[in-house]
Amino acid sequence: MEKFTTLTGVAAPLPMINVDTDMIIPKQFLKTIQRTGLGKSLFYEMRFNEDGAENPDFVLNQSAYRNAEILVAADNFGCGSSREHAPWALLDFGIRCVISTSFADIFYNNCFKNGILPIVVSQDDLDKLMDDASRGSNATLTVDLEAQEIKGPDGGAIAFDVDAFKKHCLLNGLDDIGLTLEKSDSIQSFEDKELASRPWV
């Protein structure tokens, strides 16, 4: 998993409450277990019209936000079903950080396991960040995970909280497998002792 330390990128505003995982990646795209290739279907029903043409009104289809790496969203982002394809689609599109006032628990935890930083802020702070994100090509934020700070385009800073263990995992690029491999020496030592004491196993 790619480490998350400091991210400076364009922030796209999505001022919609209750964006559920089916809106993030509709059910017809869940046939794969691959983590790549889902970005093109991110927010499919909002990004594209029925004829398959891009919806020019959707934020990620606008030239200033096509390469957005940060999403500033309204309350209760990632609700609905627990599909892990939702963070996969965000990551494959290029989104590394989502900022909201609240997240659904399963989506929130899945983000950390896939290298995305979900940040919870107050409504007042979200309003400021949403305003920053509405500046088009000037909508650049810097997210510093080590300092737990978001810096706006005008230099203002917003502090955020994050669980220490989840922070450690993101800073070091550790998913569940990576965490296990950190203990590889202890695991090998245990296996060697087991083999020596019970060679018939």
Protein backbone atom coordinates (compact mmCIF):
# COMPACT_ATOMS: atom_id res chain seq x y z
CA MET A 1 0.00 0.00 0.00
CA GLU A 2 1.30 3.48 -0.87
CA LYS A 3 2.33 5.60 2.09
CA PHE A 4 0.36 8.72 2.93
CA THR A 5 2.48 11.49 4.40
CA THR A 6 1.76 14.90 2.88
CA LEU A 7 -0.62 15.45 -0.03
CA THR A 8 -0.95 18.68 -1.97
CA GLY A 9 -3.62 18.56 -4.62
CA VAL A 10 -6.77 19.99 -6.11
CA ALA A 11 -9.83 19.54 -3.91
CA ALA A 12 -13.18 18.92 -5.58
CA PRO A 13 -16.38 20.07 -3.82
CA LEU A 14 -19.24 17.57 -3.53
CA PRO A 15 -21.85 19.30 -1.34
CA MET A 16 -24.23 16.32 -1.19
CA ILE A 17 -25.32 14.59 2.01
CA ASN A 18 -25.73 10.81 2.29
CA VAL A 19 -23.55 9.86 -0.67
CA ASP A 20 -23.82 6.09 -0.45
CA THR A 21 -21.50 3.41 -1.80
CA ASP A 22 -23.86 2.62 -4.69
CA MET A 23 -23.50 6.23 -5.83
CA ILE A 24 -19.72 5.97 -5.46
CA ILE A 25 -19.53 2.73 -7.50
CA PRO A 26 -22.83 1.30 -8.81
CA LYS A 27 -23.59 -2.39 -8.33
CA GLN A 28 -23.07 -3.36 -12.00
CA PHE A 29 -19.35 -2.70 -11.61
CA LEU A 30 -18.84 -5.06 -8.67
CA LYS A 31 -18.12 -8.16 -10.76
CA THR A 32 -14.37 -7.77 -10.40
CA ILE A 33 -12.09 -8.43 -7.45
CA GLN A 34 -9.35 -6.33 -9.05
CA ARG A 35 -8.56 -3.03 -7.33
CA THR A 36 -7.66 -1.32 -10.60
CA GLY A 37 -9.88 -0.16 -13.44
CA LEU A 38 -12.76 1.03 -11.28
CA GLY A 39 -11.87 4.72 -11.46
CA LYS A 40 -13.57 5.13 -14.82
CA SER A 41 -16.86 4.08 -13.20
CA LEU A 42 -16.56 6.27 -10.10
CA PHE A 43 -19.84 8.17 -9.53
CA TYR A 44 -20.95 6.66 -12.84
CA GLU A 45 -24.62 7.63 -12.66
CA MET A 46 -23.73 11.24 -11.83
CA ARG A 47 -20.74 11.53 -14.17
CA PHE A 48 -22.49 10.18 -17.25
CA ASN A 49 -25.84 10.71 -18.95
CA GLU A 50 -28.01 7.80 -20.12
CA ASP A 51 -26.43 7.96 -23.59
CA GLY A 52 -22.97 7.50 -22.06
CA ALA A 53 -21.87 11.09 -22.64
CA GLU A 54 -20.26 12.99 -19.80
CA ASN A 55 -22.52 15.14 -17.66
CA PRO A 56 -20.80 18.54 -17.88
CA ASP A 57 -22.43 19.68 -14.65
CA PHE A 58 -20.77 17.01 -12.49
CA VAL A 59 -17.76 18.37 -10.68
CA LEU A 60 -15.23 15.70 -11.69
CA ASN A 61 -16.04 16.30 -15.37
CA GLN A 62 -15.07 19.95 -15.11
CA SER A 63 -11.57 20.76 -16.35
CA ALA A 64 -10.39 22.21 -13.04
CA TYR A 65 -11.26 19.03 -11.14
CA ARG A 66 -10.46 16.18 -13.53
CA ASN A 67 -7.24 15.47 -11.64
CA ALA A 68 -8.57 16.14 -8.15
CA GLU A 69 -6.85 14.16 -5.39
CA ILE A 70 -8.99 15.44 -2.51
CA LEU A 71 -12.77 15.30 -2.18
CA VAL A 72 -14.62 17.69 0.13
CA ALA A 73 -18.00 16.08 0.78
CA ALA A 74 -21.06 16.75 2.90
CA ASP A 75 -22.35 14.74 5.87
CA ASN A 76 -22.58 10.93 6.07
CA PHE A 77 -20.29 10.07 3.17
CA GLY A 78 -19.94 6.38 2.26
CA CYS A 79 -23.19 5.16 3.81
CA GLY A 80 -25.09 2.19 2.39
CA SER A 81 -23.58 -1.21 1.70
CA SER A 82 -20.11 -2.19 2.90
CA ARG A 83 -18.55 -2.73 -0.55
CA GLU A 84 -14.79 -2.29 -0.52
CA HIS A 85 -15.02 -1.40 -4.21
CA ALA A 86 -15.99 2.13 -3.13
CA PRO A 87 -12.55 3.12 -1.81
CA TRP A 88 -10.96 1.10 -4.63
CA ALA A 89 -12.81 3.26 -7.18
CA LEU A 90 -11.87 6.50 -5.43
CA LEU A 91 -8.22 5.48 -5.24
CA ASP A 92 -8.10 4.30 -8.86
CA PHE A 93 -9.52 7.65 -9.96
CA GLY A 94 -6.78 9.40 -7.96
CA ILE A 95 -8.61 10.48 -4.79
CA ARG A 96 -6.28 10.01 -1.78
CA CYS A 97 -8.22 12.01 0.80
CA VAL A 98 -11.91 12.57 1.57
CA ILE A 99 -13.00 15.29 4.01
CA SER A 100 -16.48 15.32 5.56
CA THR A 101 -18.31 15.95 8.81
CA SER A 102 -19.04 12.21 9.16
CA PHE A 103 -18.52 8.86 7.44
CA ALA A 104 -20.21 5.48 7.58
CA ASP A 105 -18.07 3.29 9.86
CA ILE A 106 -17.29 0.47 7.42
CA PHE A 107 -16.41 2.84 4.58
CA TYR A 108 -14.25 4.89 6.96
CA ASN A 109 -12.22 1.86 8.05
CA ASN A 110 -11.96 0.52 4.48
CA CYS A 111 -10.39 3.82 3.42
CA PHE A 112 -7.48 3.40 5.84
CA LYS A 113 -6.94 -0.18 4.68
CA ASN A 114 -6.60 1.02 1.08
CA GLY A 115 -4.37 4.07 1.49
CA ILE A 116 -7.06 6.78 1.59
CA LEU A 117 -7.19 9.29 4.44
CA PRO A 118 -10.76 10.11 5.54
CA ILE A 119 -10.82 13.26 7.66
CA VAL A 120 -13.67 14.30 9.96
CA VAL A 121 -14.03 18.04 10.55
CA SER A 122 -16.64 20.32 12.10
CA GLN A 123 -19.39 21.85 9.98
CA ASP A 124 -17.77 25.28 10.25
CA ASP A 125 -14.44 23.90 9.03
CA LEU A 126 -16.16 21.96 6.25
CA ASP A 127 -17.88 25.14 5.08
CA LYS A 128 -14.47 26.85 4.83
CA LEU A 129 -12.97 23.90 2.95
CA MET A 130 -15.98 23.66 0.64
CA ASP A 131 -15.47 27.34 -0.19
CA ASP A 132 -11.77 26.69 -0.84
CA ALA A 133 -12.66 23.73 -3.05
CA SER A 134 -15.04 25.88 -5.10
CA ARG A 135 -12.18 27.98 -6.46
CA GLY A 136 -11.61 25.86 -9.55
CA SER A 137 -7.98 25.52 -10.55
CA ASN A 138 -6.98 27.43 -7.42
CA ALA A 139 -8.68 24.86 -5.17
CA THR A 140 -5.44 23.42 -3.82
CA LEU A 141 -5.23 22.03 -0.30
CA THR A 142 -2.28 20.52 1.55
CA VAL A 143 -3.00 17.65 3.92
CA ASP A 144 -0.20 16.86 6.35
CA LEU A 145 -0.93 13.60 8.15
CA GLU A 146 2.07 13.79 10.48
CA ALA A 147 1.06 17.27 11.69
CA GLN A 148 -2.67 16.42 11.41
CA GLU A 149 -3.32 19.65 9.58
CA ILE A 150 -5.10 20.87 6.42
CA LYS A 151 -3.75 24.05 4.84
CA GLY A 152 -5.95 26.09 2.51
CA PRO A 153 -4.90 28.08 -0.56
CA ASP A 154 -4.78 31.25 1.55
CA GLY A 155 -2.48 29.69 4.14
CA GLY A 156 -5.08 29.09 6.84
CA ALA A 157 -4.80 25.81 8.74
CA ILE A 158 -7.37 23.39 10.15
CA ALA A 159 -6.35 20.71 12.64
CA PHE A 160 -7.92 17.27 12.59
CA ASP A 161 -7.92 14.18 14.79
CA VAL A 162 -7.01 10.69 13.66
CA ASP A 163 -6.59 7.40 15.51
CA ALA A 164 -2.90 6.85 16.33
CA PHE A 165 -2.82 3.27 15.03
CA LYS A 166 -4.55 4.17 11.76
CA LYS A 167 -2.17 7.10 11.37
CA HIS A 168 0.83 4.79 11.87
CA CYS A 169 -0.49 2.41 9.22
CA LEU A 170 -1.02 5.16 6.62
CA LEU A 171 2.31 6.88 7.28
CA ASN A 172 4.10 3.56 6.79
CA GLY A 173 1.93 2.17 3.99
CA LEU A 174 0.74 -0.80 6.03
CA ASP A 175 -2.43 -2.66 5.14
CA ASP A 176 -3.46 -5.82 7.02
CA ILE A 177 -0.91 -7.91 5.11
CA GLY A 178 1.83 -5.35 5.70
CA LEU A 179 1.10 -5.35 9.41
CA THR A 180 1.44 -9.14 9.48
CA LEU A 181 4.71 -9.03 7.54
CA GLU A 182 6.15 -6.66 10.15
CA LYS A 183 6.08 -9.71 12.44
CA SER A 184 7.72 -12.03 9.89
CA ASP A 185 10.79 -12.68 12.07
CA SER A 186 8.61 -13.68 15.03
CA ILE A 187 6.42 -15.82 12.79
CA GLN A 188 9.45 -17.58 11.31
CA SER A 189 10.92 -18.15 14.77
CA PHE A 190 7.66 -19.73 15.92
CA GLU A 191 7.51 -21.94 12.82
CA ASP A 192 11.11 -23.08 13.35
CA LYS A 193 10.41 -23.99 16.99
CA GLU A 194 7.26 -25.86 15.99
CA LEU A 195 9.12 -27.81 13.33
CA ALA A 196 11.90 -28.69 15.76
CA SER A 197 9.48 -29.87 18.47
CA ARG A 198 7.04 -31.62 16.14
CA PRO A 199 8.90 -32.64 12.98
CA TRP A 200 6.11 -35.01 11.99
CA VAL A 201 3.62 -32.21 11.49
